[in-house]
Amino acid sequence: MGGSSIVNAAAAAAAEAGGGGRSSGKLLELLNVRVVGSGERVVVLSHGFGTDQSAWNRVLPYFQRDYRVVLYDLVCAGSVNPDHFDFRRYTTLDAYVDDLLDILDALHIDRCFFVGHSVSAMIGIIAAIRRPELFLKLILVGASPRFLNDGDYHGGFEREEFEKVFAAMEANYEAWVQGFAPLAVGADVPAAVREFSRTLFNMRPDISLFVSRTVVNSDLRGVLGLVRTPCVVVQTAKDVSVPASVAAYLKAHLGGRTTIELLPIEGHLPHLSSPAVLVQVLRRAIASHR
């Protein structure tokens, strides 16, 4: 069965079963859920802030032959109708976790490998705590349980720094994107900077600012020990958003068996800037699961 037909069949079944409110079938449509590939094992690719599922375009060809791959857009992504972003609902990451779990349930997926970038890594952590039976392994790319410094914990930023960022986003979103995208990509890969800029520009500025505040205010340090799923923390050698010490912190505090994969590249978006390097690590992490 082709990818789109799988989603359409699941959407129809979910819509038929659903009652009032937002049905699972409607959610699949709203978040542009796609299932591609024909393998027996399922890999979920979940993008980070400022991108959408297209961020995985250069990674996807390496997986769709051997795996069934689920892609979707976070509700805050510019590829999703902004009218569906509920500012009252998405005040914490828990609502994003609800969306992920609803997608997996609607597609009748009972076991998967989850690859989450940045904020989606945090979403995956919470989802695996709630429903550990669903996840064979978490592969956490550019992950941070807390971006703010706090005592002996070095998240990389002081709150005052982020307040300046928020003020810049509010004052002139276009100028902020033009300055932030090259910093986040890190590596000298103009095509990756253009692509990240494109998806950042696609976000409605008020949604982008709101989600940024939600991410900065999130703190998962206290729940990391509840994770029992095996984890692979993927960290680049230099990431303006996540210091290398955060990867070590995750390894020390995640409750599941955890390994670190250090990529010899720069930047927060290796799937855009160095996809071939990232793919090697992702494939090894999935293939090594016993």
C-alpha atoms as a PDB file:
ATOM      1  CA  MET A   1       0.000   0.000   0.000  1.00  0.00           C
ATOM      2  CA  GLY A   2       1.447   3.426  -0.927  1.00  0.00           C
ATOM      3  CA  GLY A   3       2.210   6.092   1.646  1.00  0.00           C
ATOM      4  CA  SER A   4      -0.659   8.412   0.809  1.00  0.00           C
ATOM      5  CA  SER A   5      -3.142   5.543   0.701  1.00  0.00           C
ATOM      6  CA  ILE A   6      -2.023   4.380   4.138  1.00  0.00           C
ATOM      7  CA  VAL A   7      -2.655   7.845   5.555  1.00  0.00           C
ATOM      8  CA  ASN A   8      -5.962   8.209   3.721  1.00  0.00           C
ATOM      9  CA  ALA A   9      -7.191   4.835   4.979  1.00  0.00           C
ATOM     10  CA  ALA A  10      -6.175   5.671   8.543  1.00  0.00           C
ATOM     11  CA  ALA A  11      -7.758   9.097   8.296  1.00  0.00           C
ATOM     12  CA  ALA A  12     -11.028   7.647   7.041  1.00  0.00           C
ATOM     13  CA  ALA A  13     -11.109   5.030   9.788  1.00  0.00           C
ATOM     14  CA  ALA A  14     -10.268   7.563  12.469  1.00  0.00           C
ATOM     15  CA  ALA A  15     -12.811  10.069  11.186  1.00  0.00           C
ATOM     16  CA  GLU A  16     -15.491   7.394  11.152  1.00  0.00           C
ATOM     17  CA  ALA A  17     -14.654   6.373  14.711  1.00  0.00           C
ATOM     18  CA  GLY A  18     -14.168   9.888  15.992  1.00  0.00           C
ATOM     19  CA  GLY A  19     -16.828  11.825  17.764  1.00  0.00           C
ATOM     20  CA  GLY A  20     -16.809  15.514  18.608  1.00  0.00           C
ATOM     21  CA  GLY A  21     -13.739  17.717  18.706  1.00  0.00           C
ATOM     22  CA  ARG A  22     -10.635  17.198  16.631  1.00  0.00           C
ATOM     23  CA  SER A  23     -10.606  13.656  15.253  1.00  0.00           C
ATOM     24  CA  SER A  24      -7.380  11.758  14.667  1.00  0.00           C
ATOM     25  CA  GLY A  25      -8.197  11.685  10.969  1.00  0.00           C
ATOM     26  CA  LYS A  26      -8.445  15.450  10.889  1.00  0.00           C
ATOM     27  CA  LEU A  27      -5.139  15.694  12.725  1.00  0.00           C
ATOM     28  CA  LEU A  28      -3.397  13.611  10.051  1.00  0.00           C
ATOM     29  CA  GLU A  29      -4.626  16.058   7.458  1.00  0.00           C
ATOM     30  CA  LEU A  30      -3.840  19.212   9.431  1.00  0.00           C
ATOM     31  CA  LEU A  31      -0.271  18.149  10.208  1.00  0.00           C
ATOM     32  CA  ASN A  32       0.424  16.886   6.678  1.00  0.00           C
ATOM     33  CA  VAL A  33       1.223  13.355   7.846  1.00  0.00           C
ATOM     34  CA  ARG A  34       2.986  11.187   5.246  1.00  0.00           C
ATOM     35  CA  VAL A  35       4.025   7.544   5.359  1.00  0.00           C
ATOM     36  CA  VAL A  36       6.616   6.529   2.772  1.00  0.00           C
ATOM     37  CA  GLY A  37       8.682   3.410   2.227  1.00  0.00           C
ATOM     38  CA  SER A  38       7.812  -0.246   2.503  1.00  0.00           C
ATOM     39  CA  GLY A  39       9.895  -1.798   5.271  1.00  0.00           C
ATOM     40  CA  GLU A  40       8.411  -3.620   8.224  1.00  0.00           C
ATOM     41  CA  ARG A  41      10.087  -1.431  10.844  1.00  0.00           C
ATOM     42  CA  VAL A  42       8.833   2.111  11.340  1.00  0.00           C
ATOM     43  CA  VAL A  43      10.984   5.238  11.676  1.00  0.00           C
ATOM     44  CA  VAL A  44       9.388   8.533  12.741  1.00  0.00           C
ATOM     45  CA  LEU A  45      11.202  11.707  11.674  1.00  0.00           C
ATOM     46  CA  SER A  46      10.132  14.730  13.727  1.00  0.00           C
ATOM     47  CA  HIS A  47      11.543  18.167  12.898  1.00  0.00           C
ATOM     48  CA  GLY A  48      12.632  21.002  15.167  1.00  0.00           C
ATOM     49  CA  PHE A  49      11.673  24.639  15.644  1.00  0.00           C
ATOM     50  CA  GLY A  50      11.827  26.802  12.535  1.00  0.00           C
ATOM     51  CA  THR A  51      11.624  23.944  10.046  1.00  0.00           C
ATOM     52  CA  ASP A  52       9.000  21.548   8.743  1.00  0.00           C
ATOM     53  CA  GLN A  53       9.142  17.964   7.506  1.00  0.00           C
ATOM     54  CA  SER A  54      10.971  19.113   4.365  1.00  0.00           C
ATOM     55  CA  ALA A  55      14.071  19.420   6.579  1.00  0.00           C
ATOM     56  CA  TRP A  56      14.391  15.625   6.224  1.00  0.00           C
ATOM     57  CA  ASN A  57      14.308  15.634   2.409  1.00  0.00           C
ATOM     58  CA  ARG A  58      18.005  14.837   2.049  1.00  0.00           C
ATOM     59  CA  VAL A  59      17.844  12.136   4.739  1.00  0.00           C
ATOM     60  CA  LEU A  60      14.672  10.374   3.626  1.00  0.00           C
ATOM     61  CA  PRO A  61      16.062   8.583   0.519  1.00  0.00           C
ATOM     62  CA  TYR A  62      18.453   6.616   2.729  1.00  0.00           C
ATOM     63  CA  PHE A  63      15.588   5.107   4.723  1.00  0.00           C
ATOM     64  CA  GLN A  64      12.515   4.644   2.566  1.00  0.00           C
ATOM     65  CA  ARG A  65      13.812   1.495   0.874  1.00  0.00           C
ATOM     66  CA  ASP A  66      14.285  -0.421   4.135  1.00  0.00           C
ATOM     67  CA  TYR A  67      11.823   1.254   6.506  1.00  0.00           C
ATOM     68  CA  ARG A  68       8.336   2.663   6.664  1.00  0.00           C
ATOM     69  CA  VAL A  69       8.954   6.330   7.448  1.00  0.00           C
ATOM     70  CA  VAL A  70       6.432   8.628   9.112  1.00  0.00           C
ATOM     71  CA  LEU A  71       6.816  12.365   8.587  1.00  0.00           C
ATOM     72  CA  TYR A  72       4.612  15.134   9.906  1.00  0.00           C
ATOM     73  CA  ASP A  73       4.684  18.861  10.626  1.00  0.00           C
ATOM     74  CA  LEU A  74       4.535  20.295  14.106  1.00  0.00           C
ATOM     75  CA  VAL A  75       1.437  22.453  14.432  1.00  0.00           C
ATOM     76  CA  CYS A  76       3.630  25.572  14.705  1.00  0.00           C
ATOM     77  CA  ALA A  77       5.353  24.952  11.347  1.00  0.00           C
ATOM     78  CA  GLY A  78       4.792  27.424   8.536  1.00  0.00           C
ATOM     79  CA  SER A  79       3.483  24.588   6.353  1.00  0.00           C
ATOM     80  CA  VAL A  80       0.465  24.207   8.661  1.00  0.00           C
ATOM     81  CA  ASN A  81      -2.489  26.568   8.474  1.00  0.00           C
ATOM     82  CA  PRO A  82      -1.791  29.025  11.329  1.00  0.00           C
ATOM     83  CA  ASP A  83      -5.495  29.157  12.161  1.00  0.00           C
ATOM     84  CA  HIS A  84      -5.043  25.717  13.721  1.00  0.00           C
ATOM     85  CA  PHE A  85      -2.442  26.910  16.228  1.00  0.00           C
ATOM     86  CA  ASP A  86      -4.251  27.177  19.569  1.00  0.00           C
ATOM     87  CA  PHE A  87      -2.326  29.559  21.818  1.00  0.00           C
ATOM     88  CA  ARG A  88      -4.223  28.249  24.844  1.00  0.00           C
ATOM     89  CA  ARG A  89      -3.432  24.602  24.101  1.00  0.00           C
ATOM     90  CA  TYR A  90       0.228  24.744  23.083  1.00  0.00           C
ATOM     91  CA  THR A  91       1.526  26.514  26.176  1.00  0.00           C
ATOM     92  CA  THR A  92       3.686  23.494  27.074  1.00  0.00           C
ATOM     93  CA  LEU A  93       5.276  20.649  25.137  1.00  0.00           C
ATOM     94  CA  ASP A  94       2.611  18.224  26.381  1.00  0.00           C
ATOM     95  CA  ALA A  95       0.167  19.239  23.646  1.00  0.00           C
ATOM     96  CA  TYR A  96       2.795  18.471  20.994  1.00  0.00           C
ATOM     97  CA  VAL A  97       3.261  15.075  22.654  1.00  0.00           C
ATOM     98  CA  ASP A  98      -0.497  14.508  22.416  1.00  0.00           C
ATOM     99  CA  ASP A  99      -0.285  15.190  18.669  1.00  0.00           C
ATOM    100  CA  LEU A 100       2.572  12.721  18.184  1.00  0.00           C
ATOM    101  CA  LEU A 101       0.842   9.948  20.114  1.00  0.00           C
ATOM    102  CA  ASP A 102      -2.459  10.598  18.319  1.00  0.00           C
ATOM    103  CA  ILE A 103      -0.685  10.272  14.962  1.00  0.00           C
ATOM    104  CA  LEU A 104       0.905   6.954  15.925  1.00  0.00           C
ATOM    105  CA  ASP A 105      -2.398   5.630  17.211  1.00  0.00           C
ATOM    106  CA  ALA A 106      -4.293   6.759  14.097  1.00  0.00           C
ATOM    107  CA  LEU A 107      -1.741   4.973  11.896  1.00  0.00           C
ATOM    108  CA  HIS A 108      -1.957   1.860  14.110  1.00  0.00           C
ATOM    109  CA  ILE A 109       1.781   1.973  14.815  1.00  0.00           C
ATOM    110  CA  ASP A 110       2.656   0.033  17.945  1.00  0.00           C
ATOM    111  CA  ARG A 111       6.478   0.140  17.779  1.00  0.00           C
ATOM    112  CA  CYS A 112       8.810   2.658  16.166  1.00  0.00           C
ATOM    113  CA  PHE A 113      12.231   4.251  16.120  1.00  0.00           C
ATOM    114  CA  PHE A 114      11.856   7.954  16.873  1.00  0.00           C
ATOM    115  CA  VAL A 115      14.263  10.534  15.443  1.00  0.00           C
ATOM    116  CA  GLY A 116      13.640  13.946  16.945  1.00  0.00           C
ATOM    117  CA  HIS A 117      15.525  17.137  16.210  1.00  0.00           C
ATOM    118  CA  SER A 118      15.876  19.872  18.858  1.00  0.00           C
ATOM    119  CA  VAL A 119      12.437  20.541  20.407  1.00  0.00           C
ATOM    120  CA  SER A 120      11.144  17.284  18.900  1.00  0.00           C
ATOM    121  CA  ALA A 121      13.826  15.442  20.842  1.00  0.00           C
ATOM    122  CA  MET A 122      12.194  16.815  23.988  1.00  0.00           C
ATOM    123  CA  ILE A 123       8.760  15.854  22.666  1.00  0.00           C
ATOM    124  CA  GLY A 124      10.028  12.312  22.074  1.00  0.00           C
ATOM    125  CA  ILE A 125      11.409  12.069  25.597  1.00  0.00           C
ATOM    126  CA  ILE A 126       8.046  12.969  27.125  1.00  0.00           C
ATOM    127  CA  ALA A 127       6.189  10.644  24.744  1.00  0.00           C
ATOM    128  CA  ALA A 128       8.468   7.731  25.682  1.00  0.00           C
ATOM    129  CA  ILE A 129       7.802   8.352  29.368  1.00  0.00           C
ATOM    130  CA  ARG A 130       4.060   8.313  28.766  1.00  0.00           C
ATOM    131  CA  ARG A 131       3.985   5.363  26.349  1.00  0.00           C
ATOM    132  CA  PRO A 132       7.279   3.453  26.639  1.00  0.00           C
ATOM    133  CA  GLU A 133       5.925   0.437  24.758  1.00  0.00           C
ATOM    134  CA  LEU A 134       5.681   2.497  21.555  1.00  0.00           C
ATOM    135  CA  PHE A 135       9.364   3.340  21.217  1.00  0.00           C
ATOM    136  CA  LEU A 136      12.175   0.941  20.350  1.00  0.00           C
ATOM    137  CA  LYS A 137      14.807   3.675  20.508  1.00  0.00           C
ATOM    138  CA  LEU A 138      14.991   7.473  20.755  1.00  0.00           C
ATOM    139  CA  ILE A 139      17.556   9.177  18.526  1.00  0.00           C
ATOM    140  CA  LEU A 140      17.894  12.704  19.857  1.00  0.00           C
ATOM    141  CA  VAL A 141      19.562  15.188  17.490  1.00  0.00           C
ATOM    142  CA  GLY A 142      20.654  18.532  18.949  1.00  0.00           C
ATOM    143  CA  ALA A 143      18.703  17.785  22.112  1.00  0.00           C
ATOM    144  CA  SER A 144      18.594  19.900  25.257  1.00  0.00           C
ATOM    145  CA  PRO A 145      16.439  19.339  28.351  1.00  0.00           C
ATOM    146  CA  ARG A 146      16.973  22.980  29.376  1.00  0.00           C
ATOM    147  CA  PHE A 147      18.429  25.843  27.337  1.00  0.00           C
ATOM    148  CA  LEU A 148      18.894  28.180  30.309  1.00  0.00           C
ATOM    149  CA  ASN A 149      21.840  28.065  32.700  1.00  0.00           C
ATOM    150  CA  ASP A 150      20.859  27.117  36.228  1.00  0.00           C
ATOM    151  CA  GLY A 151      23.452  26.851  38.987  1.00  0.00           C
ATOM    152  CA  ASP A 152      25.917  24.126  38.037  1.00  0.00           C
ATOM    153  CA  TYR A 153      23.883  23.244  34.963  1.00  0.00           C
ATOM    154  CA  HIS A 154      25.180  24.860  31.774  1.00  0.00           C
ATOM    155  CA  GLY A 155      22.413  25.060  29.199  1.00  0.00           C
ATOM    156  CA  GLY A 156      24.239  27.686  27.205  1.00  0.00           C
ATOM    157  CA  PHE A 157      22.175  30.815  27.792  1.00  0.00           C
ATOM    158  CA  GLU A 158      21.145  33.337  30.424  1.00  0.00           C
ATOM    159  CA  ARG A 159      17.508  34.427  30.441  1.00  0.00           C
ATOM    160  CA  GLU A 160      18.545  37.986  29.613  1.00  0.00           C
ATOM    161  CA  GLU A 161      20.066  36.755  26.354  1.00  0.00           C
ATOM    162  CA  PHE A 162      16.815  35.168  25.307  1.00  0.00           C
ATOM    163  CA  GLU A 163      14.826  38.264  26.254  1.00  0.00           C
ATOM    164  CA  LYS A 164      16.978  40.214  23.793  1.00  0.00           C
ATOM    165  CA  VAL A 165      16.290  37.569  21.151  1.00  0.00           C
ATOM    166  CA  PHE A 166      12.542  37.788  21.780  1.00  0.00           C
ATOM    167  CA  ALA A 167      12.667  41.591  21.556  1.00  0.00           C
ATOM    168  CA  ALA A 168      14.501  41.324  18.219  1.00  0.00           C
ATOM    169  CA  MET A 169      11.941  38.838  16.881  1.00  0.00           C
ATOM    170  CA  GLU A 170       9.115  41.151  17.872  1.00  0.00           C
ATOM    171  CA  ALA A 171      10.727  44.294  16.500  1.00  0.00           C
ATOM    172  CA  ASN A 172      11.735  42.972  13.066  1.00  0.00           C
ATOM    173  CA  TYR A 173      11.148  39.293  12.397  1.00  0.00           C
ATOM    174  CA  GLU A 174      12.679  39.352   8.922  1.00  0.00           C
ATOM    175  CA  ALA A 175      15.913  40.898  10.171  1.00  0.00           C
ATOM    176  CA  TRP A 176      16.059  38.401  13.041  1.00  0.00           C
ATOM    177  CA  VAL A 177      15.700  35.455  10.650  1.00  0.00           C
ATOM    178  CA  GLN A 178      18.449  36.814   8.412  1.00  0.00           C
ATOM    179  CA  GLY A 179      20.790  36.984  11.390  1.00  0.00           C
ATOM    180  CA  PHE A 180      19.749  33.782  13.160  1.00  0.00           C
ATOM    181  CA  ALA A 181      19.687  31.306  10.275  1.00  0.00           C
ATOM    182  CA  PRO A 182      23.448  31.456   9.488  1.00  0.00           C
ATOM    183  CA  LEU A 183      24.289  31.170  13.191  1.00  0.00           C
ATOM    184  CA  ALA A 184      22.078  28.125  13.661  1.00  0.00           C
ATOM    185  CA  VAL A 185      23.320  26.341  10.532  1.00  0.00           C
ATOM    186  CA  GLY A 186      26.856  27.098  11.695  1.00  0.00           C
ATOM    187  CA  ALA A 187      28.639  25.459   8.789  1.00  0.00           C
ATOM    188  CA  ASP A 188      29.422  27.328   5.580  1.00  0.00           C
ATOM    189  CA  VAL A 189      26.622  25.737   3.574  1.00  0.00           C
ATOM    190  CA  PRO A 190      24.678  28.525   1.826  1.00  0.00           C
ATOM    191  CA  ALA A 191      21.978  26.148   0.554  1.00  0.00           C
ATOM    192  CA  ALA A 192      21.237  25.027   4.123  1.00  0.00           C
ATOM    193  CA  VAL A 193      21.058  28.649   5.310  1.00  0.00           C
ATOM    194  CA  ARG A 194      18.635  29.489   2.502  1.00  0.00           C
ATOM    195  CA  GLU A 195      16.467  26.474   3.301  1.00  0.00           C
ATOM    196  CA  PHE A 196      16.340  27.194   7.040  1.00  0.00           C
ATOM    197  CA  SER A 197      15.591  30.858   6.321  1.00  0.00           C
ATOM    198  CA  ARG A 198      12.741  29.812   4.029  1.00  0.00           C
ATOM    199  CA  THR A 199      10.988  27.691   6.635  1.00  0.00           C
ATOM    200  CA  LEU A 200      11.577  30.286   9.367  1.00  0.00           C
ATOM    201  CA  PHE A 201      10.016  32.975   7.142  1.00  0.00           C
ATOM    202  CA  ASN A 202       7.059  30.672   6.534  1.00  0.00           C
ATOM    203  CA  MET A 203       6.192  30.728  10.235  1.00  0.00           C
ATOM    204  CA  ARG A 204       3.829  33.445  11.358  1.00  0.00           C
ATOM    205  CA  PRO A 205       5.970  35.743  13.553  1.00  0.00           C
ATOM    206  CA  ASP A 206       3.634  35.702  16.560  1.00  0.00           C
ATOM    207  CA  ILE A 207       3.560  31.893  16.519  1.00  0.00           C
ATOM    208  CA  SER A 208       7.334  31.717  16.143  1.00  0.00           C
ATOM    209  CA  LEU A 209       7.800  34.004  19.149  1.00  0.00           C
ATOM    210  CA  PHE A 210       5.251  32.118  21.249  1.00  0.00           C
ATOM    211  CA  VAL A 211       6.843  28.730  20.519  1.00  0.00           C
ATOM    212  CA  SER A 212      10.314  30.110  21.217  1.00  0.00           C
ATOM    213  CA  ARG A 213       9.161  31.209  24.653  1.00  0.00           C
ATOM    214  CA  THR A 214       7.565  27.817  25.288  1.00  0.00           C
ATOM    215  CA  VAL A 215      10.795  26.009  24.397  1.00  0.00           C
ATOM    216  CA  VAL A 216      12.961  28.317  26.512  1.00  0.00           C
ATOM    217  CA  ASN A 217      10.667  27.916  29.508  1.00  0.00           C
ATOM    218  CA  SER A 218      10.702  24.111  29.229  1.00  0.00           C
ATOM    219  CA  ASP A 219      12.753  22.091  31.703  1.00  0.00           C
ATOM    220  CA  LEU A 220      12.878  18.308  31.350  1.00  0.00           C
ATOM    221  CA  ARG A 221      15.789  17.708  33.701  1.00  0.00           C
ATOM    222  CA  GLY A 222      13.567  16.355  36.455  1.00  0.00           C
ATOM    223  CA  VAL A 223      11.968  13.650  34.287  1.00  0.00           C
ATOM    224  CA  LEU A 224      14.960  12.309  32.335  1.00  0.00           C
ATOM    225  CA  GLY A 225      15.389   9.446  34.793  1.00  0.00           C
ATOM    226  CA  LEU A 226      11.891   8.193  33.946  1.00  0.00           C
ATOM    227  CA  VAL A 227      12.943   7.313  30.396  1.00  0.00           C
ATOM    228  CA  ARG A 228      13.492   3.562  29.994  1.00  0.00           C
ATOM    229  CA  THR A 229      13.824   3.528  26.211  1.00  0.00           C
ATOM    230  CA  PRO A 230      17.378   3.182  24.815  1.00  0.00           C
ATOM    231  CA  CYS A 231      18.626   6.562  23.586  1.00  0.00           C
ATOM    232  CA  VAL A 232      21.257   7.840  21.181  1.00  0.00           C
ATOM    233  CA  VAL A 233      22.228  11.473  21.704  1.00  0.00           C
ATOM    234  CA  VAL A 234      23.567  12.997  18.472  1.00  0.00           C
ATOM    235  CA  GLN A 235      25.661  16.122  19.021  1.00  0.00           C
ATOM    236  CA  THR A 236      27.742  18.147  16.576  1.00  0.00           C
ATOM    237  CA  ALA A 237      31.228  19.290  17.552  1.00  0.00           C
ATOM    238  CA  LYS A 238      30.074  22.920  17.651  1.00  0.00           C
ATOM    239  CA  ASP A 239      26.448  23.924  18.084  1.00  0.00           C
ATOM    240  CA  VAL A 240      25.532  27.529  18.913  1.00  0.00           C
ATOM    241  CA  SER A 241      22.256  26.308  20.476  1.00  0.00           C
ATOM    242  CA  VAL A 242      23.433  23.290  22.504  1.00  0.00           C
ATOM    243  CA  PRO A 243      26.826  23.063  24.272  1.00  0.00           C
ATOM    244  CA  ALA A 244      28.603  19.698  24.165  1.00  0.00           C
ATOM    245  CA  SER A 245      28.234  19.492  27.941  1.00  0.00           C
ATOM    246  CA  VAL A 246      24.476  19.062  27.484  1.00  0.00           C
ATOM    247  CA  ALA A 247      25.012  15.779  25.629  1.00  0.00           C
ATOM    248  CA  ALA A 248      27.083  14.538  28.567  1.00  0.00           C
ATOM    249  CA  TYR A 249      24.330  15.658  30.943  1.00  0.00           C
ATOM    250  CA  LEU A 250      21.728  13.687  28.968  1.00  0.00           C
ATOM    251  CA  LYS A 251      23.899  10.572  28.995  1.00  0.00           C
ATOM    252  CA  ALA A 252      24.334  10.846  32.759  1.00  0.00           C
ATOM    253  CA  HIS A 253      20.664  11.461  33.551  1.00  0.00           C
ATOM    254  CA  LEU A 254      18.527   9.602  31.008  1.00  0.00           C
ATOM    255  CA  GLY A 255      17.167   6.434  32.590  1.00  0.00           C
ATOM    256  CA  GLY A 256      17.510   4.252  29.509  1.00  0.00           C
ATOM    257  CA  ARG A 257      20.748   2.908  28.072  1.00  0.00           C
ATOM    258  CA  THR A 258      22.253   5.988  26.423  1.00  0.00           C
ATOM    259  CA  THR A 259      25.130   6.534  24.017  1.00  0.00           C
ATOM    260  CA  ILE A 260      26.536   9.713  22.488  1.00  0.00           C
ATOM    261  CA  GLU A 261      27.376  10.121  18.814  1.00  0.00           C
ATOM    262  CA  LEU A 262      29.609  13.160  18.290  1.00  0.00           C
ATOM    263  CA  LEU A 263      29.518  14.398  14.706  1.00  0.00           C
ATOM    264  CA  PRO A 264      32.762  16.055  13.467  1.00  0.00           C
ATOM    265  CA  ILE A 265      30.826  18.940  11.950  1.00  0.00           C
ATOM    266  CA  GLU A 266      29.391  22.297  13.017  1.00  0.00           C
ATOM    267  CA  GLY A 267      25.865  23.553  13.413  1.00  0.00           C
ATOM    268  CA  HIS A 268      22.477  22.819  14.936  1.00  0.00           C
ATOM    269  CA  LEU A 269      20.892  21.384  11.762  1.00  0.00           C
ATOM    270  CA  PRO A 270      23.093  18.538  10.494  1.00  0.00           C
ATOM    271  CA  HIS A 271      20.220  17.095   8.433  1.00  0.00           C
ATOM    272  CA  LEU A 272      20.357  20.297   6.352  1.00  0.00           C
ATOM    273  CA  SER A 273      24.089  21.005   6.369  1.00  0.00           C
ATOM    274  CA  SER A 274      25.677  17.515   6.436  1.00  0.00           C
ATOM    275  CA  PRO A 275      22.961  14.929   5.761  1.00  0.00           C
ATOM    276  CA  ALA A 276      25.345  12.166   4.644  1.00  0.00           C
ATOM    277  CA  VAL A 277      27.246  12.382   7.939  1.00  0.00           C
ATOM    278  CA  LEU A 278      24.046  12.281   9.961  1.00  0.00           C
ATOM    279  CA  VAL A 279      22.582   9.412   7.940  1.00  0.00           C
ATOM    280  CA  GLN A 280      25.510   7.144   8.802  1.00  0.00           C
ATOM    281  CA  VAL A 281      24.836   7.679  12.502  1.00  0.00           C
ATOM    282  CA  LEU A 282      21.071   7.288  12.179  1.00  0.00           C
ATOM    283  CA  ARG A 283      21.310   4.051  10.213  1.00  0.00           C
ATOM    284  CA  ARG A 284      23.860   2.621  12.642  1.00  0.00           C
ATOM    285  CA  ALA A 285      21.704   3.573  15.624  1.00  0.00           C
ATOM    286  CA  ILE A 286      18.634   1.877  14.157  1.00  0.00           C
ATOM    287  CA  ALA A 287      20.451  -1.199  12.849  1.00  0.00           C
ATOM    288  CA  SER A 288      22.175  -1.801  16.188  1.00  0.00           C
ATOM    289  CA  HIS A 289      18.878  -2.273  18.030  1.00  0.00           C
ATOM    290  CA  ARG A 290      18.500  -5.828  19.248  1.00  0.00           C
END
